[in-house]
Amino acid sequence: MEACNLCPRQCNIDRTKGVGYCKVGAAFKIGRIMKHMWEEPCISGDNGSGAVFFAGCNMGCIYCQNDKLSKGLVGKEYTADELVEEILKLQDMGCNNINFVTPSHYADRLPEVIIKARDKGLTIPIVYNTSSYESVESLRKLEGLVDIYLPDLKYLDADGAKKYSNAINYPGIARLALDEMVRQIGHCEFTNEGIMKKGVLVRHLVLPGRVEESKRVIDYLYTRYGDSIYISIMNQYTPYGKAKDDNILCRPITEDEYDEVVEHAVFIGVENGFIQEGETCSESFIPEFTSE
């Protein structure tokens, strides 16, 4: 933390004294800890996922739905021991797993938390819920500690990555990160009730006007990893923040756009996956970050 280069931004900032691109310091800053019911069925199930929403983010997506949290403007600071106690409470509530949401900028501190929690009786899986803008070196610190990787693959084109997320090198970085996640985890495993115990589930959010790019993402994932991963194709894009002023991202995706991407996935043979049905484009899906 005194010369932070955890993520591809390579800020080299002393986070014990200030903040880097991620907008948070060395302490765990968390917007909310809660039973989360809105993940994929194999993650949330009927009992929910024990979500820990970290403040800060190393991306810069103009359509971010959690803008105040990602900029570190809200949240409460926790010590490692305090976070361990909160994790154990989530297990006591019956959650299927512990879901670290946007954890990249704490990758070197999470092993201590996970090990302490397991020493105190944590038995449910650890989910690492990430944008995939991760360094392979940071991911290797988590090997053997993370059970489920829940990464995005947002873009394969550098122009889109730069324009919409201020991360021109995202496509190459994300490919390497996904390779490392799959190397660590291997094939997916589920309980008899269909809850994921181990695996990699890659999410792709379909953006308006970018159907062909979404098809390329699905092609890449299926060609590269086949049935060793699950793919989640999401239709929940909501124009938010600066995206409302963008001439492409200012609207939700249409039903036809989403259907075209899903039909393409089916056509190329994807079977291990999830799709969203009905109206999921809504700001009501955004949690209130109350530091509770």
Protein backbone atom coordinates (compact mmCIF):
# COMPACT_ATOMS: atom_id res chain seq x y z
CA MET A 1 0.00 0.00 0.00
CA GLU A 2 2.96 2.35 0.41
CA ALA A 3 3.68 2.15 -3.32
CA CYS A 4 0.50 0.67 -4.75
CA ASN A 5 0.79 -1.08 -8.11
CA LEU A 6 -1.89 -3.70 -7.47
CA CYS A 7 -3.84 -3.00 -10.64
CA PRO A 8 -2.97 -2.10 -14.25
CA ARG A 9 -3.13 1.63 -13.47
CA GLN A 10 0.27 1.29 -11.76
CA CYS A 11 -0.24 4.48 -9.72
CA ASN A 12 2.69 3.80 -7.36
CA ILE A 13 0.83 5.94 -4.80
CA ASP A 14 1.33 5.66 -1.04
CA ARG A 15 -2.23 4.71 -0.09
CA THR A 16 -1.41 4.97 3.62
CA LYS A 17 -1.22 8.73 3.05
CA GLY A 18 -3.44 9.38 0.03
CA VAL A 19 -5.44 7.77 -2.74
CA GLY A 20 -4.65 6.52 -6.21
CA TYR A 21 -6.85 6.21 -9.28
CA CYS A 22 -9.18 3.95 -7.25
CA LYS A 23 -10.02 6.90 -4.95
CA VAL A 24 -9.54 5.00 -1.68
CA GLY A 25 -6.72 4.62 0.81
CA ALA A 26 -5.30 1.58 2.58
CA ALA A 27 -8.26 0.89 4.90
CA PHE A 28 -11.16 -1.30 3.75
CA LYS A 29 -13.84 1.20 2.76
CA ILE A 30 -17.23 -0.46 2.28
CA GLY A 31 -20.55 0.96 1.10
CA ARG A 32 -22.76 -1.86 2.24
CA ILE A 33 -22.66 -5.43 3.57
CA MET A 34 -25.87 -7.28 2.79
CA LYS A 35 -27.69 -10.40 1.66
CA HIS A 36 -27.88 -9.81 -2.10
CA MET A 37 -30.69 -11.53 -4.02
CA TRP A 38 -30.04 -10.20 -7.54
CA GLU A 39 -27.02 -12.13 -8.75
CA GLU A 40 -27.23 -15.10 -11.12
CA PRO A 41 -29.39 -17.98 -9.78
CA CYS A 42 -26.33 -20.14 -9.07
CA ILE A 43 -24.83 -17.33 -6.95
CA SER A 44 -27.82 -15.87 -5.08
CA GLY A 45 -30.21 -18.82 -5.15
CA ASP A 46 -33.01 -18.60 -2.58
CA ASN A 47 -30.71 -17.74 0.34
CA GLY A 48 -28.85 -14.82 -1.21
CA SER A 49 -25.23 -13.95 -1.71
CA GLY A 50 -23.31 -12.30 1.14
CA ALA A 51 -22.23 -9.16 -0.69
CA VAL A 52 -19.50 -6.82 0.48
CA PHE A 53 -19.62 -3.70 -1.71
CA PHE A 54 -16.18 -2.09 -1.62
CA ALA A 55 -15.83 1.63 -2.24
CA GLY A 56 -13.48 2.78 -4.98
CA CYS A 57 -12.79 1.38 -8.43
CA ASN A 58 -9.88 1.19 -10.84
CA MET A 59 -12.13 1.59 -13.89
CA GLY A 60 -13.79 4.77 -15.14
CA CYS A 61 -17.02 3.65 -16.79
CA ILE A 62 -19.17 6.62 -17.83
CA TYR A 63 -22.29 4.49 -17.30
CA CYS A 64 -21.38 3.38 -13.77
CA GLN A 65 -24.54 2.73 -11.74
CA ASN A 66 -22.68 2.99 -8.44
CA ASP A 67 -20.96 6.30 -9.15
CA LYS A 68 -20.75 7.65 -5.59
CA LEU A 69 -19.40 4.35 -4.31
CA SER A 70 -16.92 3.85 -7.16
CA LYS A 71 -15.50 7.33 -6.55
CA GLY A 72 -15.07 6.60 -2.85
CA LEU A 73 -17.57 9.31 -1.85
CA VAL A 74 -19.55 7.01 0.44
CA GLY A 75 -18.63 4.14 2.70
CA LYS A 76 -17.40 3.20 6.14
CA GLU A 77 -13.87 2.06 6.99
CA TYR A 78 -13.29 -1.37 8.51
CA THR A 79 -10.24 -3.11 9.92
CA ALA A 80 -9.45 -6.62 8.71
CA ASP A 81 -10.77 -8.10 11.97
CA GLU A 82 -14.00 -6.09 11.74
CA LEU A 83 -14.53 -7.29 8.18
CA VAL A 84 -13.96 -10.89 9.27
CA GLU A 85 -16.74 -10.53 11.87
CA GLU A 86 -19.12 -9.11 9.27
CA ILE A 87 -18.36 -12.00 6.92
CA LEU A 88 -19.15 -14.52 9.62
CA LYS A 89 -22.46 -12.74 10.27
CA LEU A 90 -23.36 -13.19 6.59
CA GLN A 91 -22.66 -16.90 6.91
CA ASP A 92 -24.86 -17.04 10.02
CA MET A 93 -27.65 -15.39 7.97
CA GLY A 94 -27.58 -18.40 5.63
CA CYS A 95 -25.94 -16.75 2.62
CA ASN A 96 -24.65 -19.11 -0.07
CA ASN A 97 -21.27 -17.40 -0.32
CA ILE A 98 -19.23 -14.30 0.48
CA ASN A 99 -19.27 -11.99 -2.53
CA PHE A 100 -16.48 -9.40 -2.70
CA VAL A 101 -17.79 -6.78 -5.14
CA THR A 102 -15.19 -4.55 -6.87
CA PRO A 103 -12.30 -5.84 -4.75
CA SER A 104 -9.34 -5.30 -7.13
CA HIS A 105 -7.73 -2.47 -5.17
CA TYR A 106 -7.71 -4.63 -2.00
CA ALA A 107 -6.34 -7.80 -3.61
CA ASP A 108 -3.24 -7.89 -1.41
CA ARG A 109 -5.22 -7.45 1.83
CA LEU A 110 -8.01 -9.94 1.16
CA PRO A 111 -5.91 -13.09 1.72
CA GLU A 112 -5.46 -12.11 5.39
CA VAL A 113 -9.23 -11.61 5.74
CA ILE A 114 -10.15 -14.89 4.04
CA ILE A 115 -7.63 -16.92 6.07
CA LYS A 116 -8.76 -15.37 9.36
CA ALA A 117 -12.42 -15.94 8.49
CA ARG A 118 -11.79 -19.60 7.67
CA ASP A 119 -9.82 -20.05 10.86
CA LYS A 120 -12.89 -18.75 12.71
CA GLY A 121 -15.30 -21.10 10.98
CA LEU A 122 -16.10 -19.74 7.51
CA THR A 123 -17.07 -22.65 5.26
CA ILE A 124 -19.03 -21.06 2.41
CA PRO A 125 -17.32 -20.16 -0.91
CA ILE A 126 -15.56 -16.88 -1.62
CA VAL A 127 -16.72 -15.02 -4.75
CA TYR A 128 -14.39 -12.48 -6.37
CA ASN A 129 -16.68 -10.14 -8.35
CA THR A 130 -14.53 -8.05 -10.68
CA SER A 131 -14.37 -5.95 -13.84
CA SER A 132 -11.37 -8.08 -14.93
CA TYR A 133 -9.13 -5.01 -14.96
CA GLU A 134 -6.71 -7.00 -12.83
CA SER A 135 -3.01 -7.77 -12.86
CA VAL A 136 -2.14 -11.45 -13.02
CA GLU A 137 0.32 -10.93 -10.17
CA SER A 138 -2.49 -9.70 -7.89
CA LEU A 139 -4.75 -12.59 -8.86
CA ARG A 140 -2.04 -15.10 -8.00
CA LYS A 141 -2.08 -13.83 -4.41
CA LEU A 142 -5.63 -15.17 -4.24
CA GLU A 143 -4.94 -18.65 -5.58
CA GLY A 144 -6.43 -21.31 -3.35
CA LEU A 145 -8.48 -18.71 -1.45
CA VAL A 146 -11.08 -17.69 -4.03
CA ASP A 147 -13.60 -20.39 -4.99
CA ILE A 148 -15.61 -18.53 -7.62
CA TYR A 149 -14.48 -15.83 -10.00
CA LEU A 150 -17.31 -13.60 -11.24
CA PRO A 151 -15.57 -11.39 -13.82
CA ASP A 152 -16.84 -9.10 -16.56
CA LEU A 153 -15.61 -9.08 -20.11
CA LYS A 154 -16.78 -5.61 -21.05
CA TYR A 155 -14.96 -5.01 -24.33
CA LEU A 156 -12.63 -6.55 -26.87
CA ASP A 157 -12.10 -3.28 -28.76
CA ALA A 158 -9.66 -0.76 -27.35
CA ASP A 159 -11.58 2.24 -28.70
CA GLY A 160 -14.71 1.32 -26.75
CA ALA A 161 -12.66 0.57 -23.64
CA LYS A 162 -11.03 3.99 -23.80
CA LYS A 163 -14.16 5.94 -24.69
CA TYR A 164 -16.45 4.34 -22.14
CA SER A 165 -14.12 3.20 -19.34
CA ASN A 166 -10.91 5.24 -19.72
CA ALA A 167 -8.97 1.97 -20.03
CA ILE A 168 -7.55 1.59 -23.53
CA ASN A 169 -5.55 -1.49 -22.49
CA TYR A 170 -8.59 -3.22 -20.95
CA PRO A 171 -9.03 -5.88 -23.68
CA GLY A 172 -5.52 -7.29 -23.33
CA ILE A 173 -5.48 -7.00 -19.54
CA ALA A 174 -8.86 -8.70 -19.21
CA ARG A 175 -7.86 -11.60 -21.48
CA LEU A 176 -4.82 -12.34 -19.33
CA ALA A 177 -6.83 -12.01 -16.14
CA LEU A 178 -9.49 -14.43 -17.38
CA ASP A 179 -6.82 -16.93 -18.39
CA GLU A 180 -5.42 -16.79 -14.86
CA MET A 181 -8.83 -17.21 -13.24
CA VAL A 182 -9.64 -20.26 -15.35
CA ARG A 183 -6.16 -21.70 -14.69
CA GLN A 184 -6.73 -21.41 -10.94
CA ILE A 185 -10.26 -22.77 -10.82
CA GLY A 186 -10.67 -25.22 -13.68
CA HIS A 187 -14.17 -26.53 -14.30
CA CYS A 188 -17.32 -25.45 -12.47
CA GLU A 189 -18.85 -27.43 -9.62
CA PHE A 190 -22.36 -27.11 -8.17
CA THR A 191 -24.33 -28.36 -5.20
CA ASN A 192 -27.33 -30.64 -5.73
CA GLU A 193 -29.47 -27.50 -5.44
CA GLY A 194 -27.66 -25.83 -8.35
CA ILE A 195 -25.57 -23.37 -6.30
CA MET A 196 -22.05 -22.85 -7.60
CA LYS A 197 -19.34 -24.14 -5.28
CA LYS A 198 -16.42 -23.52 -7.61
CA GLY A 199 -16.01 -22.00 -11.03
CA VAL A 200 -15.67 -19.03 -13.35
CA LEU A 201 -18.83 -17.24 -14.47
CA VAL A 202 -18.09 -14.47 -16.98
CA ARG A 203 -20.56 -11.62 -17.36
CA HIS A 204 -21.08 -9.48 -20.41
CA LEU A 205 -23.32 -6.42 -20.34
CA VAL A 206 -24.85 -5.74 -23.75
CA LEU A 207 -24.57 -2.02 -24.55
CA PRO A 208 -26.87 -0.15 -26.95
CA GLY A 209 -25.63 0.08 -30.53
CA ARG A 210 -22.87 -2.46 -29.90
CA VAL A 211 -24.47 -5.78 -30.83
CA GLU A 212 -21.60 -6.85 -33.10
CA GLU A 213 -19.07 -6.19 -30.35
CA SER A 214 -21.15 -8.30 -27.95
CA LYS A 215 -21.16 -11.13 -30.48
CA ARG A 216 -17.36 -10.93 -30.70
CA VAL A 217 -17.12 -11.13 -26.90
CA ILE A 218 -19.32 -14.24 -26.79
CA ASP A 219 -17.35 -15.79 -29.68
CA TYR A 220 -14.09 -15.17 -27.85
CA LEU A 221 -15.28 -16.62 -24.55
CA TYR A 222 -16.72 -19.76 -26.09
CA THR A 223 -13.81 -20.35 -28.46
CA ARG A 224 -11.25 -19.79 -25.71
CA TYR A 225 -12.86 -21.60 -22.78
CA GLY A 226 -15.69 -23.71 -24.17
CA ASP A 227 -17.82 -25.37 -21.50
CA SER A 228 -15.27 -24.89 -18.71
CA ILE A 229 -16.91 -21.56 -17.85
CA TYR A 230 -20.43 -20.17 -17.63
CA ILE A 231 -21.42 -17.04 -19.53
CA SER A 232 -24.00 -14.53 -18.28
CA ILE A 233 -25.45 -12.25 -20.97
CA MET A 234 -27.01 -9.23 -19.29
CA ASN A 235 -29.68 -6.86 -20.60
CA GLN A 236 -29.79 -4.58 -17.55
CA TYR A 237 -27.90 -1.62 -19.03
CA THR A 238 -29.34 1.60 -17.61
CA PRO A 239 -28.32 5.06 -18.90
CA TYR A 240 -26.73 6.61 -15.87
CA GLY A 241 -24.38 9.49 -15.10
CA LYS A 242 -22.39 10.82 -18.05
CA ALA A 243 -23.82 8.10 -20.29
CA LYS A 244 -27.08 10.04 -20.47
CA ASP A 245 -25.25 12.65 -22.56
CA ASP A 246 -23.60 10.12 -24.90
CA ASN A 247 -25.21 9.84 -28.34
CA ILE A 248 -24.99 6.02 -28.23
CA LEU A 249 -25.28 5.06 -24.57
CA CYS A 250 -28.10 7.49 -23.79
CA ARG A 251 -30.78 4.80 -24.18
CA PRO A 252 -31.46 1.28 -22.90
CA ILE A 253 -30.82 -1.62 -25.25
CA THR A 254 -33.79 -2.79 -27.29
CA GLU A 255 -35.36 -6.21 -27.00
CA ASP A 256 -34.24 -6.94 -30.56
CA GLU A 257 -30.61 -6.06 -29.74
CA TYR A 258 -30.54 -8.36 -26.75
CA ASP A 259 -32.33 -11.19 -28.56
CA GLU A 260 -29.81 -10.99 -31.41
CA VAL A 261 -26.89 -11.47 -29.01
CA VAL A 262 -28.59 -14.37 -27.20
CA GLU A 263 -29.55 -16.05 -30.48
CA HIS A 264 -25.94 -15.77 -31.62
CA ALA A 265 -24.73 -17.46 -28.42
CA VAL A 266 -27.19 -20.31 -28.97
CA PHE A 267 -26.18 -20.57 -32.64
CA ILE A 268 -22.47 -21.05 -31.87
CA GLY A 269 -23.28 -23.71 -29.25
CA VAL A 270 -23.16 -21.98 -25.86
CA GLU A 271 -25.10 -24.09 -23.35
CA ASN A 272 -23.56 -23.15 -19.99
CA GLY A 273 -25.01 -19.73 -19.45
CA PHE A 274 -27.60 -17.36 -18.09
CA ILE A 275 -29.81 -14.79 -19.77
CA GLN A 276 -32.09 -12.14 -18.31
CA GLU A 277 -35.77 -11.98 -19.08
CA GLY A 278 -38.23 -9.14 -18.63
CA GLU A 279 -37.54 -5.54 -17.68
CA THR A 280 -34.25 -5.33 -15.76
CA CYS A 281 -33.27 -1.83 -16.90
CA SER A 282 -34.09 0.13 -13.77
CA GLU A 283 -32.31 2.30 -11.24
CA SER A 284 -34.30 0.40 -8.59
CA PHE A 285 -31.74 -2.43 -8.97
CA ILE A 286 -29.02 -0.16 -7.56
CA PRO A 287 -28.54 -0.79 -3.81
CA GLU A 288 -28.62 2.08 -1.35
CA PHE A 289 -25.07 2.48 -0.03
CA THR A 290 -25.74 3.36 3.58
CA SER A 291 -22.55 1.89 5.13
CA GLU A 292 -24.73 -0.66 6.94
